[in-house]
Each structure stands twice: as C-alpha cells, then as structure tokens.
Amino acid sequence: MVEPLRRALRGLAVLPFAVTALTLYLHMHFYQYLSSYAEDRVPTVFYGAAMMGYSLALAVLQPLIADRVEQMRYTKAMALGFGGLAVGMIAFTGGNEVAFAVGILAIGAGNSVLLLKNVLEALARSKRSPAVVFSHQRLAEGIGAFLSGLVGGGLYYRFETAGQLPGFWVAVAAQCVLIPPALLLVHRRFRRPQRERTGS
C-alpha cells in the first residue's frame, strides 16, 4: 500500500500541491457556506444569478489573463489570488446584494489567477508527465475541500450559535492573509537544508 502511493507521488511539485490544497480549502468556505449565510439576507434569485455570474466570470476571465498569469512570478500570483479571496470574504460581512456581488467578483478574480497559476507552476516544477501532474493537482483539491468541510463546518457552527456570522468571513479572510506567507516560509526552510546538502 505504501510503495504504490510513494510511486504515485514521486516527482510531486510540493509547493504548487500545497498552494492548490490551500486554495480549495479557502474557496470551499465560500462555496459551501455562502448559501446558508445568504438565506434571509439576499433574494434567492439574486444569489443564484450571482453564482452563475461567478462561473461565467471564471470561464471568460481565465483565457483572457492566461498569458499574463503564465509570465507572472508565483509569489505575485499568490499575493493577487489570496488577496482577492480575502477581499471577497470581507465583503460578505456587509450582508447585502452589493456586498455579495463585490465579494463573488473578487473571489472569482482571485481564483482565476490562483487555479491557473498553480497548474502551470506544477507542470513547470515536476518532471512527471502532464497526466500525473494533473492527478497530483486533483488530489490536492480533494484534500483542500475535505479540510474545508472538516474545519470550516465547525467554525461556521460556532459563529452561527454565537449570533456573529459575519465574524466567520473575517476569520476566513484572516486565513487568506496569514497562511500563504507562512506556507512559503515553511517551504523555504525545508528547502534550505536540501540545498546545503547538495552544495547548491
């Protein structure tokens, strides 16, 4: 069991894998819990139209920005992407149609950058075939979505029972700001001993 898994994960692009998992972890807070939060705050028709607009924005925006994202430094893409997610989460605290529209638009823009750049970076950093790299990325997405349900569900429940649901989005926004630089720092510290051993 361990050996087949080790072979499957050989050549894993660690940082894009971790960033993809984090992206989906944060994104799924929006995707899973916004519908409950929207109840009694905005009309159902408006919410459905806004989420449809989100999907259309991803489909239209990603091809338009693909060349720029490809040339962008990974750290800059992370800053823009997670920054967009943070702005979107904070916007939801407004609890009205304008706040929802701004939040969904910001998250759509952030995800357009992050999801595309993570795949491009994984392909560039791994020596495995594109099919294997895409499989690694799908695994990262699954891990992120699972953690969002596990952690985010409990967090949402606590804020809901306390009658402070807008605080949930503040807590998620804080994670968008704080976790990515911490992830980069940990990755760099783990890579440093490897470079010292190889003399590079």
Protein backbone atom coordinates (compact mmCIF):
# COMPACT_ATOMS: atom_id res chain seq x y z
CA MET A 1 0.00 0.00 0.00
CA VAL A 2 2.79 2.42 0.93
CA GLU A 3 5.01 1.66 -2.07
CA PRO A 4 2.35 2.26 -4.77
CA LEU A 5 1.46 5.54 -3.07
CA ARG A 6 5.13 6.53 -2.95
CA ARG A 7 5.49 5.80 -6.67
CA ALA A 8 2.33 7.78 -7.45
CA LEU A 9 3.61 10.80 -5.52
CA ARG A 10 7.16 10.62 -6.88
CA GLY A 11 8.15 13.90 -8.50
CA LEU A 12 5.42 15.81 -6.70
CA ALA A 13 5.71 19.59 -7.08
CA VAL A 14 5.37 20.25 -3.36
CA LEU A 15 4.66 23.98 -3.25
CA PRO A 16 2.01 24.05 -6.02
CA PHE A 17 0.43 20.99 -4.41
CA ALA A 18 0.23 22.72 -1.02
CA VAL A 19 -0.98 26.02 -2.51
CA THR A 20 -3.67 24.22 -4.52
CA ALA A 21 -4.87 22.44 -1.36
CA LEU A 22 -4.93 25.78 0.47
CA THR A 23 -6.74 27.48 -2.41
CA LEU A 24 -9.52 24.88 -2.41
CA TYR A 25 -9.65 24.88 1.40
CA LEU A 26 -10.36 28.62 1.42
CA HIS A 27 -12.50 28.61 -1.73
CA MET A 28 -14.82 25.92 -0.39
CA HIS A 29 -15.66 28.07 2.63
CA PHE A 30 -17.22 30.41 0.08
CA TYR A 31 -18.76 27.65 -1.99
CA GLN A 32 -20.19 25.59 0.87
CA TYR A 33 -21.29 28.17 3.43
CA LEU A 34 -22.28 31.28 1.49
CA SER A 35 -25.66 29.81 0.52
CA SER A 36 -26.60 29.33 4.19
CA TYR A 37 -25.32 32.80 5.05
CA ALA A 38 -27.28 34.32 2.15
CA GLU A 39 -30.59 32.98 3.44
CA ASP A 40 -32.78 35.86 4.69
CA ARG A 41 -30.09 38.34 3.64
CA VAL A 42 -30.44 38.46 -0.15
CA PRO A 43 -33.15 37.16 -2.51
CA THR A 44 -32.68 33.58 -3.70
CA VAL A 45 -32.93 34.67 -7.35
CA PHE A 46 -30.19 37.23 -6.83
CA TYR A 47 -27.93 34.68 -5.14
CA GLY A 48 -28.45 32.14 -7.92
CA ALA A 49 -27.72 34.75 -10.59
CA ALA A 50 -24.61 35.92 -8.75
CA MET A 51 -23.24 32.38 -8.50
CA MET A 52 -23.97 31.81 -12.18
CA GLY A 53 -22.08 35.02 -12.87
CA TYR A 54 -19.17 33.64 -10.84
CA SER A 55 -18.96 30.55 -13.04
CA LEU A 56 -19.19 32.63 -16.20
CA ALA A 57 -16.51 35.01 -14.92
CA LEU A 58 -14.09 32.11 -14.42
CA ALA A 59 -14.81 30.78 -17.90
CA VAL A 60 -14.30 34.17 -19.53
CA LEU A 61 -11.54 35.65 -17.37
CA GLN A 62 -9.04 32.78 -17.32
CA PRO A 63 -8.43 32.68 -21.10
CA LEU A 64 -8.07 36.47 -21.15
CA ILE A 65 -5.41 36.54 -18.43
CA ALA A 66 -3.67 33.24 -19.24
CA ASP A 67 -0.59 34.78 -20.89
CA ARG A 68 -0.07 37.30 -18.08
CA VAL A 69 -0.52 34.66 -15.40
CA GLU A 70 1.97 32.38 -17.14
CA GLN A 71 4.64 35.11 -17.08
CA MET A 72 3.83 36.24 -13.55
CA ARG A 73 6.08 35.31 -10.61
CA TYR A 74 4.49 32.68 -8.42
CA THR A 75 4.70 34.83 -5.29
CA LYS A 76 2.95 37.70 -7.09
CA ALA A 77 0.21 35.36 -8.31
CA MET A 78 -0.25 34.11 -4.76
CA ALA A 79 -0.47 37.67 -3.43
CA LEU A 80 -3.06 38.65 -6.03
CA GLY A 81 -5.03 35.43 -5.74
CA PHE A 82 -5.21 35.14 -1.98
CA GLY A 83 -5.67 38.90 -1.75
CA GLY A 84 -8.76 38.60 -3.96
CA LEU A 85 -10.10 35.82 -1.75
CA ALA A 86 -9.53 37.93 1.38
CA VAL A 87 -11.30 40.96 -0.13
CA GLY A 88 -14.21 38.77 -1.16
CA MET A 89 -14.59 37.20 2.28
CA ILE A 90 -14.54 40.61 3.99
CA ALA A 91 -17.11 41.94 1.52
CA PHE A 92 -19.59 39.25 2.59
CA THR A 93 -19.77 40.77 6.06
CA GLY A 94 -21.88 43.56 4.53
CA GLY A 95 -24.70 41.06 4.11
CA ASN A 96 -26.49 42.82 1.23
CA GLU A 97 -26.69 42.49 -2.56
CA VAL A 98 -23.85 44.90 -3.28
CA ALA A 99 -21.59 43.20 -0.72
CA PHE A 100 -22.35 39.77 -2.19
CA ALA A 101 -21.72 40.95 -5.76
CA VAL A 102 -18.39 42.56 -4.82
CA GLY A 103 -17.34 39.51 -2.81
CA ILE A 104 -18.18 37.00 -5.52
CA LEU A 105 -16.44 39.12 -8.16
CA ALA A 106 -13.28 39.45 -6.03
CA ILE A 107 -13.19 35.72 -5.29
CA GLY A 108 -13.73 34.93 -8.97
CA ALA A 109 -10.78 37.12 -9.91
CA GLY A 110 -8.57 35.63 -7.19
CA ASN A 111 -9.42 32.06 -8.13
CA SER A 112 -8.88 32.77 -11.83
CA VAL A 113 -5.28 33.67 -11.05
CA LEU A 114 -4.59 31.01 -8.42
CA LEU A 115 -6.14 27.95 -10.03
CA LEU A 116 -4.43 28.62 -13.37
CA LYS A 117 -1.03 29.54 -11.93
CA ASN A 118 -0.97 26.53 -9.61
CA VAL A 119 -1.39 24.15 -12.55
CA LEU A 120 1.22 25.96 -14.65
CA GLU A 121 3.67 26.01 -11.75
CA ALA A 122 3.12 22.32 -11.02
CA LEU A 123 3.81 21.45 -14.66
CA ALA A 124 6.97 23.57 -14.63
CA ARG A 125 8.34 22.14 -11.38
CA SER A 126 7.62 18.44 -11.92
CA LYS A 127 9.41 16.04 -14.25
CA ARG A 128 6.41 13.71 -14.36
CA SER A 129 4.03 13.56 -17.30
CA PRO A 130 1.24 16.17 -17.51
CA ALA A 131 -1.33 13.44 -16.76
CA VAL A 132 0.41 12.61 -13.48
CA VAL A 133 0.81 16.28 -12.58
CA PHE A 134 -2.90 16.91 -13.16
CA SER A 135 -3.66 13.89 -10.95
CA HIS A 136 -1.49 15.39 -8.20
CA GLN A 137 -3.41 18.65 -8.50
CA ARG A 138 -6.78 16.88 -8.31
CA LEU A 139 -5.59 15.11 -5.16
CA ALA A 140 -4.59 18.47 -3.66
CA GLU A 141 -8.04 19.86 -4.49
CA GLY A 142 -9.69 16.91 -2.78
CA ILE A 143 -7.59 17.38 0.35
CA GLY A 144 -8.41 21.09 0.45
CA ALA A 145 -12.13 20.50 0.00
CA PHE A 146 -12.12 17.83 2.73
CA LEU A 147 -10.35 20.13 5.19
CA SER A 148 -12.79 22.92 4.41
CA GLY A 149 -15.71 20.70 5.35
CA LEU A 150 -13.95 19.44 8.45
CA VAL A 151 -12.60 22.75 9.77
CA GLY A 152 -14.95 25.24 8.14
CA GLY A 153 -18.11 23.45 9.23
CA GLY A 154 -17.14 23.60 12.88
CA LEU A 155 -16.06 27.22 12.55
CA TYR A 156 -19.31 28.23 10.85
CA TYR A 157 -21.34 26.48 13.55
CA ARG A 158 -19.52 28.33 16.33
CA PHE A 159 -20.10 31.74 14.78
CA GLU A 160 -23.71 30.86 13.96
CA THR A 161 -24.56 29.74 17.50
CA ALA A 162 -22.88 32.88 18.85
CA GLY A 163 -25.03 35.03 16.54
CA GLN A 164 -21.91 36.52 14.96
CA LEU A 165 -21.91 35.01 11.46
CA PRO A 166 -20.17 37.98 9.78
CA GLY A 167 -17.21 37.12 12.01
CA PHE A 168 -16.92 33.80 10.16
CA TRP A 169 -15.93 35.65 6.98
CA VAL A 170 -13.46 37.79 8.91
CA ALA A 171 -11.86 34.60 10.25
CA VAL A 172 -11.62 33.11 6.74
CA ALA A 173 -10.20 36.38 5.36
CA ALA A 174 -7.55 36.34 8.10
CA GLN A 175 -6.53 32.85 6.96
CA CYS A 176 -6.27 34.11 3.36
CA VAL A 177 -3.81 36.75 4.55
CA LEU A 178 -1.80 34.80 7.15
CA ILE A 179 -1.48 31.21 5.90
CA PRO A 180 0.08 31.78 2.42
CA PRO A 181 3.21 33.64 3.69
CA ALA A 182 3.57 31.08 6.49
CA LEU A 183 3.40 28.31 3.88
CA LEU A 184 6.10 30.00 1.79
CA LEU A 185 8.30 30.41 4.87
CA VAL A 186 7.97 26.74 5.83
CA HIS A 187 8.68 25.63 2.26
CA ARG A 188 11.84 27.76 2.06
CA ARG A 189 13.12 26.48 5.41
CA PHE A 190 12.62 22.87 4.34
CA ARG A 191 14.41 23.51 1.03
CA ARG A 192 17.40 25.23 2.64
CA PRO A 193 18.89 22.07 4.24
CA GLN A 194 18.47 20.22 0.92
CA ARG A 195 20.44 22.93 -0.90
CA GLU A 196 23.15 22.83 1.76
CA ARG A 197 23.48 19.06 1.40
CA THR A 198 23.78 19.27 -2.37
CA GLY A 199 26.16 22.24 -2.15
CA SER A 200 23.96 24.41 -4.38
